[in-house]
Amino acid sequence: ILSMNQTEQAVLAFILEGHKVKEIAVLMSVSEQHVRNTKSKVFKMLSEDVGHNVSTEELQNYKRRNHI
């Protein structure tokens, strides 16, 4: 997460809050495609860090368990 830029961190934060791509695009005033591309990059980075594919559900469960 430390290697993520501000946009990537913001997209991740919105995903953890349960927002969908369309909602994130509106909140960040960017295109849905930009959000999809950034989301893909973020999930790839996280998956490489943990050694397996990470899902949105897995991230949200982790957030609930660890109160992040």
PDB file of N, CA and C in Angstrom:
ATOM      1  N   ILE A   1       0.832  -1.196   0.000  1.00  0.00           N
ATOM      2  CA  ILE A   1       0.000   0.000   0.000  1.00  0.00           C
ATOM      3  C   ILE A   1       0.869   1.250   0.000  1.00  0.00           C
ATOM      4  N   LEU A   2       2.022   1.178   0.628  1.00  0.00           N
ATOM      5  CA  LEU A   2       2.906   2.333   0.684  1.00  0.00           C
ATOM      6  C   LEU A   2       3.402   2.759  -0.687  1.00  0.00           C
ATOM      7  N   SER A   3       3.477   1.818  -1.622  1.00  0.00           N
ATOM      8  CA  SER A   3       3.962   2.152  -2.958  1.00  0.00           C
ATOM      9  C   SER A   3       2.860   2.704  -3.869  1.00  0.00           C
ATOM     10  N   MET A   4       1.623   2.747  -3.374  1.00  0.00           N
ATOM     11  CA  MET A   4       0.515   3.263  -4.174  1.00  0.00           C
ATOM     12  C   MET A   4       0.523   4.785  -4.171  1.00  0.00           C
ATOM     13  N   ASN A   5       0.146   5.351  -5.325  1.00  0.00           N
ATOM     14  CA  ASN A   5       0.019   6.805  -5.375  1.00  0.00           C
ATOM     15  C   ASN A   5      -1.324   7.221  -4.753  1.00  0.00           C
ATOM     16  N   GLN A   6      -1.563   8.516  -4.672  1.00  0.00           N
ATOM     17  CA  GLN A   6      -2.770   9.012  -3.998  1.00  0.00           C
ATOM     18  C   GLN A   6      -4.057   8.542  -4.675  1.00  0.00           C
ATOM     19  N   THR A   7      -4.053   8.510  -5.998  1.00  0.00           N
ATOM     20  CA  THR A   7      -5.247   8.058  -6.719  1.00  0.00           C
ATOM     21  C   THR A   7      -5.540   6.598  -6.416  1.00  0.00           C
ATOM     22  N   GLU A   8      -4.507   5.776  -6.424  1.00  0.00           N
ATOM     23  CA  GLU A   8      -4.679   4.351  -6.133  1.00  0.00           C
ATOM     24  C   GLU A   8      -5.175   4.148  -4.703  1.00  0.00           C
ATOM     25  N   GLN A   9      -4.628   4.902  -3.770  1.00  0.00           N
ATOM     26  CA  GLN A   9      -5.067   4.804  -2.377  1.00  0.00           C
ATOM     27  C   GLN A   9      -6.514   5.252  -2.229  1.00  0.00           C
ATOM     28  N   ALA A  10      -6.892   6.302  -2.950  1.00  0.00           N
ATOM     29  CA  ALA A  10      -8.269   6.792  -2.872  1.00  0.00           C
ATOM     30  C   ALA A  10      -9.247   5.763  -3.429  1.00  0.00           C
ATOM     31  N   VAL A  11      -8.911   5.169  -4.576  1.00  0.00           N
ATOM     32  CA  VAL A  11      -9.777   4.145  -5.166  1.00  0.00           C
ATOM     33  C   VAL A  11      -9.912   2.973  -4.205  1.00  0.00           C
ATOM     34  N   LEU A  12      -8.813   2.533  -3.621  1.00  0.00           N
ATOM     35  CA  LEU A  12      -8.858   1.433  -2.656  1.00  0.00           C
ATOM     36  C   LEU A  12      -9.745   1.789  -1.469  1.00  0.00           C
ATOM     37  N   ALA A  13      -9.612   2.995  -0.950  1.00  0.00           N
ATOM     38  CA  ALA A  13     -10.430   3.429   0.191  1.00  0.00           C
ATOM     39  C   ALA A  13     -11.918   3.392  -0.163  1.00  0.00           C
ATOM     40  N   PHE A  14     -12.273   3.878  -1.354  1.00  0.00           N
ATOM     41  CA  PHE A  14     -13.677   3.858  -1.772  1.00  0.00           C
ATOM     42  C   PHE A  14     -14.180   2.429  -1.948  1.00  0.00           C
ATOM     43  N   ILE A  15     -13.334   1.546  -2.467  1.00  0.00           N
ATOM     44  CA  ILE A  15     -13.718   0.143  -2.612  1.00  0.00           C
ATOM     45  C   ILE A  15     -13.983  -0.459  -1.237  1.00  0.00           C
ATOM     46  N   LEU A  16     -13.112  -0.164  -0.290  1.00  0.00           N
ATOM     47  CA  LEU A  16     -13.280  -0.687   1.068  1.00  0.00           C
ATOM     48  C   LEU A  16     -14.556  -0.173   1.721  1.00  0.00           C
ATOM     49  N   GLU A  17     -14.989   1.020   1.312  1.00  0.00           N
ATOM     50  CA  GLU A  17     -16.238   1.585   1.829  1.00  0.00           C
ATOM     51  C   GLU A  17     -17.453   0.983   1.137  1.00  0.00           C
ATOM     52  N   GLY A  18     -17.220   0.182   0.099  1.00  0.00           N
ATOM     53  CA  GLY A  18     -18.324  -0.488  -0.582  1.00  0.00           C
ATOM     54  C   GLY A  18     -18.838   0.217  -1.818  1.00  0.00           C
ATOM     55  N   HIS A  19     -18.141   1.239  -2.278  1.00  0.00           N
ATOM     56  CA  HIS A  19     -18.581   1.974  -3.469  1.00  0.00           C
ATOM     57  C   HIS A  19     -18.304   1.184  -4.739  1.00  0.00           C
ATOM     58  N   LYS A  20     -19.161   1.345  -5.706  1.00  0.00           N
ATOM     59  CA  LYS A  20     -19.006   0.736  -7.032  1.00  0.00           C
ATOM     60  C   LYS A  20     -18.218   1.680  -7.937  1.00  0.00           C
ATOM     61  N   VAL A  21     -17.750   1.136  -9.062  1.00  0.00           N
ATOM     62  CA  VAL A  21     -16.925   1.907  -9.994  1.00  0.00           C
ATOM     63  C   VAL A  21     -17.603   3.214 -10.393  1.00  0.00           C
ATOM     64  N   LYS A  22     -18.874   3.142 -10.755  1.00  0.00           N
ATOM     65  CA  LYS A  22     -19.598   4.340 -11.201  1.00  0.00           C
ATOM     66  C   LYS A  22     -19.636   5.395 -10.092  1.00  0.00           C
ATOM     67  N   GLU A  23     -19.877   4.970  -8.871  1.00  0.00           N
ATOM     68  CA  GLU A  23     -19.920   5.899  -7.738  1.00  0.00           C
ATOM     69  C   GLU A  23     -18.549   6.530  -7.491  1.00  0.00           C
ATOM     70  N   ILE A  24     -17.510   5.711  -7.571  1.00  0.00           N
ATOM     71  CA  ILE A  24     -16.153   6.215  -7.355  1.00  0.00           C
ATOM     72  C   ILE A  24     -15.809   7.257  -8.419  1.00  0.00           C
ATOM     73  N   ALA A  25     -16.178   6.985  -9.649  1.00  0.00           N
ATOM     74  CA  ALA A  25     -15.905   7.923 -10.739  1.00  0.00           C
ATOM     75  C   ALA A  25     -16.546   9.276 -10.462  1.00  0.00           C
ATOM     76  N   VAL A  26     -17.785   9.262  -9.993  1.00  0.00           N
ATOM     77  CA  VAL A  26     -18.479  10.515  -9.676  1.00  0.00           C
ATOM     78  C   VAL A  26     -17.800  11.210  -8.494  1.00  0.00           C
ATOM     79  N   LEU A  27     -17.501  10.454  -7.450  1.00  0.00           N
ATOM     80  CA  LEU A  27     -16.877  11.044  -6.264  1.00  0.00           C
ATOM     81  C   LEU A  27     -15.505  11.654  -6.557  1.00  0.00           C
ATOM     82  N   MET A  28     -14.764  11.036  -7.495  1.00  0.00           N
ATOM     83  CA  MET A  28     -13.419  11.506  -7.815  1.00  0.00           C
ATOM     84  C   MET A  28     -13.390  12.423  -9.046  1.00  0.00           C
ATOM     85  N   SER A  29     -14.530  12.600  -9.684  1.00  0.00           N
ATOM     86  CA  SER A  29     -14.626  13.413 -10.904  1.00  0.00           C
ATOM     87  C   SER A  29     -13.679  12.926 -11.993  1.00  0.00           C
ATOM     88  N   VAL A  30     -13.695  11.614 -12.207  1.00  0.00           N
ATOM     89  CA  VAL A  30     -12.896  10.993 -13.268  1.00  0.00           C
ATOM     90  C   VAL A  30     -13.800  10.030 -14.030  1.00  0.00           C
ATOM     91  N   SER A  31     -13.294   9.494 -15.127  1.00  0.00           N
ATOM     92  CA  SER A  31     -14.093   8.566 -15.922  1.00  0.00           C
ATOM     93  C   SER A  31     -14.169   7.195 -15.242  1.00  0.00           C
ATOM     94  N   GLU A  32     -15.218   6.461 -15.571  1.00  0.00           N
ATOM     95  CA  GLU A  32     -15.358   5.102 -15.056  1.00  0.00           C
ATOM     96  C   GLU A  32     -14.192   4.237 -15.529  1.00  0.00           C
ATOM     97  N   GLN A  33     -13.733   4.457 -16.758  1.00  0.00           N
ATOM     98  CA  GLN A  33     -12.616   3.672 -17.280  1.00  0.00           C
ATOM     99  C   GLN A  33     -11.349   3.933 -16.468  1.00  0.00           C
ATOM    100  N   HIS A  34     -11.135   5.176 -16.058  1.00  0.00           N
ATOM    101  CA  HIS A  34      -9.969   5.496 -15.231  1.00  0.00           C
ATOM    102  C   HIS A  34     -10.043   4.738 -13.904  1.00  0.00           C
ATOM    103  N   VAL A  35     -11.224   4.686 -13.328  1.00  0.00           N
ATOM    104  CA  VAL A  35     -11.408   3.963 -12.064  1.00  0.00           C
ATOM    105  C   VAL A  35     -11.168   2.471 -12.285  1.00  0.00           C
ATOM    106  N   ARG A  36     -11.717   1.911 -13.369  1.00  0.00           N
ATOM    107  CA  ARG A  36     -11.511   0.484 -13.655  1.00  0.00           C
ATOM    108  C   ARG A  36     -10.027   0.166 -13.830  1.00  0.00           C
ATOM    109  N   ASN A  37      -9.321   1.021 -14.564  1.00  0.00           N
ATOM    110  CA  ASN A  37      -7.881   0.805 -14.771  1.00  0.00           C
ATOM    111  C   ASN A  37      -7.116   0.875 -13.453  1.00  0.00           C
ATOM    112  N   THR A  38      -7.441   1.863 -12.643  1.00  0.00           N
ATOM    113  CA  THR A  38      -6.763   2.034 -11.358  1.00  0.00           C
ATOM    114  C   THR A  38      -7.089   0.877 -10.427  1.00  0.00           C
ATOM    115  N   LYS A  39      -8.352   0.471 -10.402  1.00  0.00           N
ATOM    116  CA  LYS A  39      -8.767  -0.663  -9.572  1.00  0.00           C
ATOM    117  C   LYS A  39      -8.004  -1.920  -9.966  1.00  0.00           C
ATOM    118  N   SER A  40      -7.879  -2.154 -11.252  1.00  0.00           N
ATOM    119  CA  SER A  40      -7.145  -3.314 -11.739  1.00  0.00           C
ATOM    120  C   SER A  40      -5.689  -3.276 -11.283  1.00  0.00           C
ATOM    121  N   LYS A  41      -5.084  -2.118 -11.384  1.00  0.00           N
ATOM    122  CA  LYS A  41      -3.690  -1.958 -10.957  1.00  0.00           C
ATOM    123  C   LYS A  41      -3.544  -2.201  -9.454  1.00  0.00           C
ATOM    124  N   VAL A  42      -4.472  -1.665  -8.673  1.00  0.00           N
ATOM    125  CA  VAL A  42      -4.441  -1.831  -7.218  1.00  0.00           C
ATOM    126  C   VAL A  42      -4.576  -3.305  -6.842  1.00  0.00           C
ATOM    127  N   PHE A  43      -5.530  -3.993  -7.461  1.00  0.00           N
ATOM    128  CA  PHE A  43      -5.733  -5.404  -7.139  1.00  0.00           C
ATOM    129  C   PHE A  43      -4.535  -6.248  -7.558  1.00  0.00           C
ATOM    130  N   LYS A  44      -3.905  -5.879  -8.672  1.00  0.00           N
ATOM    131  CA  LYS A  44      -2.705  -6.594  -9.095  1.00  0.00           C
ATOM    132  C   LYS A  44      -1.591  -6.407  -8.067  1.00  0.00           C
ATOM    133  N   MET A  45      -1.405  -5.174  -7.598  1.00  0.00           N
ATOM    134  CA  MET A  45      -0.370  -4.893  -6.598  1.00  0.00           C
ATOM    135  C   MET A  45      -0.640  -5.673  -5.308  1.00  0.00           C
ATOM    136  N   LEU A  46      -1.875  -5.655  -4.842  1.00  0.00           N
ATOM    137  CA  LEU A  46      -2.225  -6.356  -3.610  1.00  0.00           C
ATOM    138  C   LEU A  46      -2.063  -7.868  -3.771  1.00  0.00           C
ATOM    139  N   SER A  47      -2.468  -8.383  -4.918  1.00  0.00           N
ATOM    140  CA  SER A  47      -2.351  -9.819  -5.174  1.00  0.00           C
ATOM    141  C   SER A  47      -0.893 -10.263  -5.188  1.00  0.00           C
ATOM    142  N   GLU A  48      -0.028  -9.439  -5.762  1.00  0.00           N
ATOM    143  CA  GLU A  48       1.405  -9.763  -5.774  1.00  0.00           C
ATOM    144  C   GLU A  48       1.972  -9.752  -4.350  1.00  0.00           C
ATOM    145  N   ASP A  49       1.484  -8.821  -3.534  1.00  0.00           N
ATOM    146  CA  ASP A  49       1.969  -8.722  -2.151  1.00  0.00           C
ATOM    147  C   ASP A  49       1.587  -9.945  -1.314  1.00  0.00           C
ATOM    148  N   VAL A  50       0.368 -10.456  -1.500  1.00  0.00           N
ATOM    149  CA  VAL A  50      -0.091 -11.563  -0.663  1.00  0.00           C
ATOM    150  C   VAL A  50       0.094 -12.933  -1.307  1.00  0.00           C
ATOM    151  N   GLY A  51       0.418 -12.966  -2.589  1.00  0.00           N
ATOM    152  CA  GLY A  51       0.701 -14.225  -3.245  1.00  0.00           C
ATOM    153  C   GLY A  51      -0.501 -14.954  -3.815  1.00  0.00           C
ATOM    154  N   HIS A  52      -1.656 -14.308  -3.835  1.00  0.00           N
ATOM    155  CA  HIS A  52      -2.835 -14.891  -4.476  1.00  0.00           C
ATOM    156  C   HIS A  52      -3.762 -13.772  -4.919  1.00  0.00           C
ATOM    157  N   ASN A  53      -4.709 -14.096  -5.787  1.00  0.00           N
ATOM    158  CA  ASN A  53      -5.650 -13.081  -6.266  1.00  0.00           C
ATOM    159  C   ASN A  53      -6.517 -12.591  -5.117  1.00  0.00           C
ATOM    160  N   VAL A  54      -6.627 -11.287  -5.016  1.00  0.00           N
ATOM    161  CA  VAL A  54      -7.414 -10.648  -3.957  1.00  0.00           C
ATOM    162  C   VAL A  54      -8.758 -10.230  -4.541  1.00  0.00           C
ATOM    163  N   SER A  55      -9.822 -10.460  -3.783  1.00  0.00           N
ATOM    164  CA  SER A  55     -11.158 -10.057  -4.226  1.00  0.00           C
ATOM    165  C   SER A  55     -11.645  -8.873  -3.397  1.00  0.00           C
ATOM    166  N   THR A  56     -12.625  -8.173  -3.921  1.00  0.00           N
ATOM    167  CA  THR A  56     -13.236  -7.057  -3.194  1.00  0.00           C
ATOM    168  C   THR A  56     -13.830  -7.561  -1.889  1.00  0.00           C
ATOM    169  N   GLU A  57     -14.494  -8.696  -1.940  1.00  0.00           N
ATOM    170  CA  GLU A  57     -15.109  -9.272  -0.734  1.00  0.00           C
ATOM    171  C   GLU A  57     -14.049  -9.581   0.319  1.00  0.00           C
ATOM    172  N   GLU A  58     -12.931 -10.131  -0.112  1.00  0.00           N
ATOM    173  CA  GLU A  58     -11.844 -10.441   0.819  1.00  0.00           C
ATOM    174  C   GLU A  58     -11.326  -9.172   1.497  1.00  0.00           C
ATOM    175  N   LEU A  59     -11.181  -8.096   0.729  1.00  0.00           N
ATOM    176  CA  LEU A  59     -10.707  -6.829   1.297  1.00  0.00           C
ATOM    177  C   LEU A  59     -11.711  -6.270   2.304  1.00  0.00           C
ATOM    178  N   GLN A  60     -12.982  -6.324   1.962  1.00  0.00           N
ATOM    179  CA  GLN A  60     -14.006  -5.794   2.861  1.00  0.00           C
ATOM    180  C   GLN A  60     -14.091  -6.629   4.140  1.00  0.00           C
ATOM    181  N   ASN A  61     -13.943  -7.943   4.032  1.00  0.00           N
ATOM    182  CA  ASN A  61     -13.932  -8.806   5.222  1.00  0.00           C
ATOM    183  C   ASN A  61     -12.730  -8.489   6.095  1.00  0.00           C
ATOM    184  N   TYR A  62     -11.579  -8.278   5.479  1.00  0.00           N
ATOM    185  CA  TYR A  62     -10.369  -7.921   6.209  1.00  0.00           C
ATOM    186  C   TYR A  62     -10.569  -6.596   6.944  1.00  0.00           C
ATOM    187  N   LYS A  63     -11.181  -5.651   6.266  1.00  0.00           N
ATOM    188  CA  LYS A  63     -11.445  -4.342   6.880  1.00  0.00           C
ATOM    189  C   LYS A  63     -12.336  -4.509   8.116  1.00  0.00           C
ATOM    190  N   ARG A  64     -13.391  -5.304   7.987  1.00  0.00           N
ATOM    191  CA  ARG A  64     -14.311  -5.498   9.118  1.00  0.00           C
ATOM    192  C   ARG A  64     -13.606  -6.181  10.303  1.00  0.00           C
ATOM    193  N   ARG A  65     -12.805  -7.188  10.007  1.00  0.00           N
ATOM    194  CA  ARG A  65     -12.115  -7.933  11.078  1.00  0.00           C
ATOM    195  C   ARG A  65     -11.043  -7.102  11.774  1.00  0.00           C
ATOM    196  N   ASN A  66     -10.371  -6.246  11.006  1.00  0.00           N
ATOM    197  CA  ASN A  66      -9.242  -5.519  11.545  1.00  0.00           C
ATOM    198  C   ASN A  66      -9.529  -4.041  11.800  1.00  0.00           C
ATOM    199  N   HIS A  67     -10.754  -3.647  11.583  1.00  0.00           N
ATOM    200  CA  HIS A  67     -11.189  -2.275  11.873  1.00  0.00           C
ATOM    201  C   HIS A  67     -10.300  -1.234  11.201  1.00  0.00           C
ATOM    202  N   ILE A  68     -10.029  -1.429   9.909  1.00  0.00           N
ATOM    203  CA  ILE A  68      -9.253  -0.419   9.183  1.00  0.00           C
ATOM    204  C   ILE A  68     -10.164   0.512   8.443  1.00  0.00           C
TER     205      ILE A  68
END
